[in-house]
ModelCIF file with pLDDT and N, C-alpha, C, O atoms, coordinates in Angstrom:
data_MODEL
#
_entry.id   MODEL 
#
_entity.id                         1 
_entity.type                       polymer 
_entity.pdbx_number_of_molecules   1 
#
_entity_poly.entity_id                      1 
_entity_poly.type                           'polypeptide(L)' 
_entity_poly.nstd_linkage                   no 
_entity_poly.nstd_monomer                   no 
_entity_poly.pdbx_seq_one_letter_code       LFSEFSGTFVLMVAVFYLAGPEFVSASGETA 
_entity_poly.pdbx_seq_one_letter_code_can   LFSEFSGTFVLMVAVFYLAGPEFVSASGETA 
_entity_poly.pdbx_strand_id                 A 
#
loop_
_entity_poly_seq.entity_id 
_entity_poly_seq.num 
_entity_poly_seq.mon_id 
_entity_poly_seq.hetero 
1 1  LEU n 
1 2  PHE n 
1 3  SER n 
1 4  GLU n 
1 5  PHE n 
1 6  SER n 
1 7  GLY n 
1 8  THR n 
1 9  PHE n 
1 10 VAL n 
1 11 LEU n 
1 12 MET n 
1 13 VAL n 
1 14 ALA n 
1 15 VAL n 
1 16 PHE n 
1 17 TYR n 
1 18 LEU n 
1 19 ALA n 
1 20 GLY n 
1 21 PRO n 
1 22 GLU n 
1 23 PHE n 
1 24 VAL n 
1 25 SER n 
1 26 ALA n 
1 27 SER n 
1 28 GLY n 
1 29 GLU n 
1 30 THR n 
1 31 ALA n 
#
_struct_asym.id          A 
_struct_asym.entity_id   1 
#
loop_
_ma_qa_metric.id 
_ma_qa_metric.mode 
_ma_qa_metric.name 
_ma_qa_metric.software_group_id 
_ma_qa_metric.type 
1 global pLDDT . pLDDT 
2 local  pLDDT . pLDDT 
#
_ma_qa_metric_global.metric_id      1 
_ma_qa_metric_global.metric_value   79.19 
_ma_qa_metric_global.model_id       1 
_ma_qa_metric_global.ordinal_id     1 
#
loop_
_ma_qa_metric_local.label_asym_id 
_ma_qa_metric_local.label_comp_id 
_ma_qa_metric_local.label_seq_id 
_ma_qa_metric_local.metric_id 
_ma_qa_metric_local.metric_value 
_ma_qa_metric_local.model_id 
_ma_qa_metric_local.ordinal_id 
A LEU 1  2 98.00 1 1  
A PHE 2  2 98.00 1 2  
A SER 3  2 98.00 1 3  
A GLU 4  2 98.00 1 4  
A PHE 5  2 98.00 1 5  
A SER 6  2 98.00 1 6  
A GLY 7  2 97.00 1 7  
A THR 8  2 97.00 1 8  
A PHE 9  2 97.00 1 9  
A VAL 10 2 96.00 1 10 
A LEU 11 2 94.00 1 11 
A MET 12 2 93.00 1 12 
A VAL 13 2 93.00 1 13 
A ALA 14 2 91.00 1 14 
A VAL 15 2 88.00 1 15 
A PHE 16 2 87.00 1 16 
A TYR 17 2 83.00 1 17 
A LEU 18 2 77.00 1 18 
A ALA 19 2 59.00 1 19 
A GLY 20 2 56.00 1 20 
A PRO 21 2 54.00 1 21 
A GLU 22 2 56.00 1 22 
A PHE 23 2 56.00 1 23 
A VAL 24 2 60.00 1 24 
A SER 25 2 58.00 1 25 
A ALA 26 2 64.00 1 26 
A SER 27 2 66.00 1 27 
A GLY 28 2 66.00 1 28 
A GLU 29 2 63.00 1 29 
A THR 30 2 60.00 1 30 
A ALA 31 2 56.00 1 31 
#
loop_
_atom_site.group_PDB 
_atom_site.id 
_atom_site.type_symbol 
_atom_site.label_atom_id 
_atom_site.label_alt_id 
_atom_site.label_comp_id 
_atom_site.label_asym_id 
_atom_site.label_entity_id 
_atom_site.label_seq_id 
_atom_site.pdbx_PDB_ins_code 
_atom_site.Cartn_x 
_atom_site.Cartn_y 
_atom_site.Cartn_z 
_atom_site.occupancy 
_atom_site.B_iso_or_equiv 
_atom_site.pdbx_formal_charge 
_atom_site.auth_seq_id 
_atom_site.auth_comp_id 
_atom_site.auth_asym_id 
_atom_site.auth_atom_id 
_atom_site.pdbx_PDB_model_num 
ATOM 1   N N  . LEU A 1 1  ? 81.077 114.568 134.554 1.00 98.00 ? 1  LEU A N  1 
ATOM 2   C CA . LEU A 1 1  ? 81.079 114.736 136.026 1.00 98.00 ? 1  LEU A CA 1 
ATOM 3   C C  . LEU A 1 1  ? 80.662 113.479 136.731 1.00 98.00 ? 1  LEU A C  1 
ATOM 4   O O  . LEU A 1 1  ? 81.212 113.114 137.770 1.00 98.00 ? 1  LEU A O  1 
ATOM 5   N N  . PHE A 1 2  ? 79.641 112.791 136.129 1.00 98.00 ? 2  PHE A N  1 
ATOM 6   C CA . PHE A 1 2  ? 79.215 111.544 136.746 1.00 98.00 ? 2  PHE A CA 1 
ATOM 7   C C  . PHE A 1 2  ? 80.324 110.461 136.754 1.00 98.00 ? 2  PHE A C  1 
ATOM 8   O O  . PHE A 1 2  ? 80.455 109.668 137.686 1.00 98.00 ? 2  PHE A O  1 
ATOM 9   N N  . SER A 1 3  ? 81.111 110.482 135.657 1.00 98.00 ? 3  SER A N  1 
ATOM 10  C CA . SER A 1 3  ? 82.227 109.522 135.551 1.00 98.00 ? 3  SER A CA 1 
ATOM 11  C C  . SER A 1 3  ? 83.215 109.722 136.675 1.00 98.00 ? 3  SER A C  1 
ATOM 12  O O  . SER A 1 3  ? 83.620 108.755 137.321 1.00 98.00 ? 3  SER A O  1 
ATOM 13  N N  . GLU A 1 4  ? 83.632 111.023 136.937 1.00 98.00 ? 4  GLU A N  1 
ATOM 14  C CA . GLU A 1 4  ? 84.586 111.297 137.983 1.00 98.00 ? 4  GLU A CA 1 
ATOM 15  C C  . GLU A 1 4  ? 83.945 111.099 139.366 1.00 98.00 ? 4  GLU A C  1 
ATOM 16  O O  . GLU A 1 4  ? 84.591 110.639 140.308 1.00 98.00 ? 4  GLU A O  1 
ATOM 17  N N  . PHE A 1 5  ? 82.738 111.436 139.455 1.00 98.00 ? 5  PHE A N  1 
ATOM 18  C CA . PHE A 1 5  ? 81.984 111.219 140.715 1.00 98.00 ? 5  PHE A CA 1 
ATOM 19  C C  . PHE A 1 5  ? 81.930 109.709 141.055 1.00 98.00 ? 5  PHE A C  1 
ATOM 20  O O  . PHE A 1 5  ? 82.160 109.311 142.197 1.00 98.00 ? 5  PHE A O  1 
ATOM 21  N N  . SER A 1 6  ? 81.623 108.890 140.043 1.00 98.00 ? 6  SER A N  1 
ATOM 22  C CA . SER A 1 6  ? 81.454 107.443 140.318 1.00 98.00 ? 6  SER A CA 1 
ATOM 23  C C  . SER A 1 6  ? 82.757 106.802 140.632 1.00 98.00 ? 6  SER A C  1 
ATOM 24  O O  . SER A 1 6  ? 82.830 106.009 141.570 1.00 98.00 ? 6  SER A O  1 
ATOM 25  N N  . GLY A 1 7  ? 83.812 107.106 139.886 1.00 97.00 ? 7  GLY A N  1 
ATOM 26  C CA . GLY A 1 7  ? 85.178 106.464 140.138 1.00 97.00 ? 7  GLY A CA 1 
ATOM 27  C C  . GLY A 1 7  ? 85.589 106.785 141.533 1.00 97.00 ? 7  GLY A C  1 
ATOM 28  O O  . GLY A 1 7  ? 86.051 105.887 142.237 1.00 97.00 ? 7  GLY A O  1 
ATOM 29  N N  . THR A 1 8  ? 85.455 108.006 141.988 1.00 97.00 ? 8  THR A N  1 
ATOM 30  C CA . THR A 1 8  ? 85.937 108.363 143.339 1.00 97.00 ? 8  THR A CA 1 
ATOM 31  C C  . THR A 1 8  ? 84.991 107.757 144.397 1.00 97.00 ? 8  THR A C  1 
ATOM 32  O O  . THR A 1 8  ? 85.439 107.368 145.476 1.00 97.00 ? 8  THR A O  1 
ATOM 33  N N  . PHE A 1 9  ? 83.749 107.682 144.102 1.00 97.00 ? 9  PHE A N  1 
ATOM 34  C CA . PHE A 1 9  ? 82.828 106.999 145.088 1.00 97.00 ? 9  PHE A CA 1 
ATOM 35  C C  . PHE A 1 9  ? 83.275 105.568 145.336 1.00 97.00 ? 9  PHE A C  1 
ATOM 36  O O  . PHE A 1 9  ? 83.349 105.111 146.477 1.00 97.00 ? 9  PHE A O  1 
ATOM 37  N N  . VAL A 1 10 ? 83.572 104.866 144.240 1.00 96.00 ? 10 VAL A N  1 
ATOM 38  C CA . VAL A 1 10 ? 84.038 103.452 144.387 1.00 96.00 ? 10 VAL A CA 1 
ATOM 39  C C  . VAL A 1 10 ? 85.377 103.438 145.163 1.00 96.00 ? 10 VAL A C  1 
ATOM 40  O O  . VAL A 1 10 ? 85.547 102.603 146.051 1.00 96.00 ? 10 VAL A O  1 
ATOM 41  N N  . LEU A 1 11 ? 86.292 104.305 144.862 1.00 94.00 ? 11 LEU A N  1 
ATOM 42  C CA . LEU A 1 11 ? 87.538 104.359 145.574 1.00 94.00 ? 11 LEU A CA 1 
ATOM 43  C C  . LEU A 1 11 ? 87.367 104.585 147.041 1.00 94.00 ? 11 LEU A C  1 
ATOM 44  O O  . LEU A 1 11 ? 87.993 103.896 147.846 1.00 94.00 ? 11 LEU A O  1 
ATOM 45  N N  . MET A 1 12 ? 86.517 105.551 147.428 1.00 93.00 ? 12 MET A N  1 
ATOM 46  C CA . MET A 1 12 ? 86.378 105.866 148.839 1.00 93.00 ? 12 MET A CA 1 
ATOM 47  C C  . MET A 1 12 ? 85.552 104.800 149.583 1.00 93.00 ? 12 MET A C  1 
ATOM 48  O O  . MET A 1 12 ? 85.815 104.552 150.760 1.00 93.00 ? 12 MET A O  1 
ATOM 49  N N  . VAL A 1 13 ? 84.590 104.180 148.952 1.00 93.00 ? 13 VAL A N  1 
ATOM 50  C CA . VAL A 1 13 ? 83.843 103.112 149.596 1.00 93.00 ? 13 VAL A CA 1 
ATOM 51  C C  . VAL A 1 13 ? 84.875 101.994 149.941 1.00 93.00 ? 13 VAL A C  1 
ATOM 52  O O  . VAL A 1 13 ? 84.865 101.440 151.040 1.00 93.00 ? 13 VAL A O  1 
ATOM 53  N N  . ALA A 1 14 ? 85.715 101.705 149.012 1.00 91.00 ? 14 ALA A N  1 
ATOM 54  C CA . ALA A 1 14 ? 86.731 100.655 149.282 1.00 91.00 ? 14 ALA A CA 1 
ATOM 55  C C  . ALA A 1 14 ? 87.734 101.099 150.395 1.00 91.00 ? 14 ALA A C  1 
ATOM 56  O O  . ALA A 1 14 ? 88.097 100.295 151.254 1.00 91.00 ? 14 ALA A O  1 
ATOM 57  N N  . VAL A 1 15 ? 88.158 102.342 150.368 1.00 88.00 ? 15 VAL A N  1 
ATOM 58  C CA . VAL A 1 15 ? 89.056 102.826 151.363 1.00 88.00 ? 15 VAL A CA 1 
ATOM 59  C C  . VAL A 1 15 ? 88.435 102.750 152.779 1.00 88.00 ? 15 VAL A C  1 
ATOM 60  O O  . VAL A 1 15 ? 89.072 102.273 153.718 1.00 88.00 ? 15 VAL A O  1 
ATOM 61  N N  . PHE A 1 16 ? 87.210 103.219 152.909 1.00 87.00 ? 16 PHE A N  1 
ATOM 62  C CA . PHE A 1 16 ? 86.530 103.214 154.192 1.00 87.00 ? 16 PHE A CA 1 
ATOM 63  C C  . PHE A 1 16 ? 86.403 101.771 154.754 1.00 87.00 ? 16 PHE A C  1 
ATOM 64  O O  . PHE A 1 16 ? 86.351 101.609 155.973 1.00 87.00 ? 16 PHE A O  1 
ATOM 65  N N  . TYR A 1 17 ? 86.354 100.773 153.939 1.00 83.00 ? 17 TYR A N  1 
ATOM 66  C CA . TYR A 1 17 ? 86.155 99.433  154.410 1.00 83.00 ? 17 TYR A CA 1 
ATOM 67  C C  . TYR A 1 17 ? 87.394 98.535  154.260 1.00 83.00 ? 17 TYR A C  1 
ATOM 68  O O  . TYR A 1 17 ? 87.310 97.320  154.439 1.00 83.00 ? 17 TYR A O  1 
ATOM 69  N N  . LEU A 1 18 ? 88.560 99.153  153.924 1.00 77.00 ? 18 LEU A N  1 
ATOM 70  C CA . LEU A 1 18 ? 89.734 98.387  153.973 1.00 77.00 ? 18 LEU A CA 1 
ATOM 71  C C  . LEU A 1 18 ? 90.031 97.928  155.343 1.00 77.00 ? 18 LEU A C  1 
ATOM 72  O O  . LEU A 1 18 ? 89.949 98.728  156.275 1.00 77.00 ? 18 LEU A O  1 
ATOM 73  N N  . ALA A 1 19 ? 90.374 96.678  155.538 1.00 59.00 ? 19 ALA A N  1 
ATOM 74  C CA . ALA A 1 19 ? 90.725 96.170  156.878 1.00 59.00 ? 19 ALA A CA 1 
ATOM 75  C C  . ALA A 1 19 ? 91.902 95.250  156.792 1.00 59.00 ? 19 ALA A C  1 
ATOM 76  O O  . ALA A 1 19 ? 92.042 94.445  155.871 1.00 59.00 ? 19 ALA A O  1 
ATOM 77  N N  . GLY A 1 20 ? 92.733 95.394  157.771 1.00 56.00 ? 20 GLY A N  1 
ATOM 78  C CA . GLY A 1 20 ? 93.932 94.517  157.849 1.00 56.00 ? 20 GLY A CA 1 
ATOM 79  C C  . GLY A 1 20 ? 93.493 93.169  158.366 1.00 56.00 ? 20 GLY A C  1 
ATOM 80  O O  . GLY A 1 20 ? 92.412 93.024  158.936 1.00 56.00 ? 20 GLY A O  1 
ATOM 81  N N  . PRO A 1 21 ? 94.370 92.158  158.154 1.00 54.00 ? 21 PRO A N  1 
ATOM 82  C CA . PRO A 1 21 ? 94.091 90.838  158.661 1.00 54.00 ? 21 PRO A CA 1 
ATOM 83  C C  . PRO A 1 21 ? 94.119 90.810  160.226 1.00 54.00 ? 21 PRO A C  1 
ATOM 84  O O  . PRO A 1 21 ? 94.912 91.525  160.839 1.00 54.00 ? 21 PRO A O  1 
ATOM 85  N N  . GLU A 1 22 ? 93.289 90.019  160.830 1.00 56.00 ? 22 GLU A N  1 
ATOM 86  C CA . GLU A 1 22 ? 93.216 89.982  162.296 1.00 56.00 ? 22 GLU A CA 1 
ATOM 87  C C  . GLU A 1 22 ? 93.538 88.530  162.743 1.00 56.00 ? 22 GLU A C  1 
ATOM 88  O O  . GLU A 1 22 ? 93.303 87.523  162.075 1.00 56.00 ? 22 GLU A O  1 
ATOM 89  N N  . PHE A 1 23 ? 94.111 88.573  163.976 1.00 56.00 ? 23 PHE A N  1 
ATOM 90  C CA . PHE A 1 23 ? 94.329 87.326  164.725 1.00 56.00 ? 23 PHE A CA 1 
ATOM 91  C C  . PHE A 1 23 ? 93.450 87.362  165.985 1.00 56.00 ? 23 PHE A C  1 
ATOM 92  O O  . PHE A 1 23 ? 93.479 88.327  166.750 1.00 56.00 ? 23 PHE A O  1 
ATOM 93  N N  . VAL A 1 24 ? 92.676 86.297  166.182 1.00 60.00 ? 24 VAL A N  1 
ATOM 94  C CA . VAL A 1 24 ? 91.889 86.211  167.350 1.00 60.00 ? 24 VAL A CA 1 
ATOM 95  C C  . VAL A 1 24 ? 92.495 85.142  168.294 1.00 60.00 ? 24 VAL A C  1 
ATOM 96  O O  . VAL A 1 24 ? 92.654 83.982  167.913 1.00 60.00 ? 24 VAL A O  1 
ATOM 97  N N  . SER A 1 25 ? 92.811 85.543  169.470 1.00 58.00 ? 25 SER A N  1 
ATOM 98  C CA . SER A 1 25 ? 93.379 84.648  170.411 1.00 58.00 ? 25 SER A CA 1 
ATOM 99  C C  . SER A 1 25 ? 92.386 83.763  171.024 1.00 58.00 ? 25 SER A C  1 
ATOM 100 O O  . SER A 1 25 ? 91.193 83.989  170.823 1.00 58.00 ? 25 SER A O  1 
ATOM 101 N N  . ALA A 1 26 ? 92.776 82.732  171.787 1.00 64.00 ? 26 ALA A N  1 
ATOM 102 C CA . ALA A 1 26 ? 91.905 81.838  172.495 1.00 64.00 ? 26 ALA A CA 1 
ATOM 103 C C  . ALA A 1 26 ? 91.012 82.534  173.475 1.00 64.00 ? 26 ALA A C  1 
ATOM 104 O O  . ALA A 1 26 ? 89.900 82.088  173.756 1.00 64.00 ? 26 ALA A O  1 
ATOM 105 N N  . SER A 1 27 ? 91.544 83.714  174.035 1.00 66.00 ? 27 SER A N  1 
ATOM 106 C CA . SER A 1 27 ? 90.745 84.409  174.972 1.00 66.00 ? 27 SER A CA 1 
ATOM 107 C C  . SER A 1 27 ? 89.769 85.392  174.305 1.00 66.00 ? 27 SER A C  1 
ATOM 108 O O  . SER A 1 27 ? 89.002 86.075  174.984 1.00 66.00 ? 27 SER A O  1 
ATOM 109 N N  . GLY A 1 28 ? 89.812 85.450  172.983 1.00 66.00 ? 28 GLY A N  1 
ATOM 110 C CA . GLY A 1 28 ? 88.862 86.263  172.296 1.00 66.00 ? 28 GLY A CA 1 
ATOM 111 C C  . GLY A 1 28 ? 89.352 87.650  171.950 1.00 66.00 ? 28 GLY A C  1 
ATOM 112 O O  . GLY A 1 28 ? 88.631 88.431  171.328 1.00 66.00 ? 28 GLY A O  1 
ATOM 113 N N  . GLU A 1 29 ? 90.593 87.969  172.353 1.00 63.00 ? 29 GLU A N  1 
ATOM 114 C CA . GLU A 1 29 ? 91.213 89.230  172.070 1.00 63.00 ? 29 GLU A CA 1 
ATOM 115 C C  . GLU A 1 29 ? 91.651 89.310  170.564 1.00 63.00 ? 29 GLU A C  1 
ATOM 116 O O  . GLU A 1 29 ? 92.159 88.339  170.003 1.00 63.00 ? 29 GLU A O  1 
ATOM 117 N N  . THR A 1 30 ? 91.438 90.485  169.947 1.00 60.00 ? 30 THR A N  1 
ATOM 118 C CA . THR A 1 30 ? 91.716 90.635  168.530 1.00 60.00 ? 30 THR A CA 1 
ATOM 119 C C  . THR A 1 30 ? 92.913 91.548  168.360 1.00 60.00 ? 30 THR A C  1 
ATOM 120 O O  . THR A 1 30 ? 92.996 92.599  168.996 1.00 60.00 ? 30 THR A O  1 
ATOM 121 N N  . ALA A 1 31 ? 93.850 91.145  167.494 1.00 56.00 ? 31 ALA A N  1 
ATOM 122 C CA . ALA A 1 31 ? 95.024 91.974  167.159 1.00 56.00 ? 31 ALA A CA 1 
ATOM 123 C C  . ALA A 1 31 ? 95.160 92.058  165.639 1.00 56.00 ? 31 ALA A C  1 
ATOM 124 O O  . ALA A 1 31 ? 96.079 92.705  165.136 1.00 56.00 ? 31 ALA A O  1 
#
């Protein structure tokens, strides 16, 4: 149970913090 718990915990922590690349313009706007 701990094995399955741990693997999915790692998966979801990563999913929650996945971020796409960003471009910040000279005016400070982010896309």
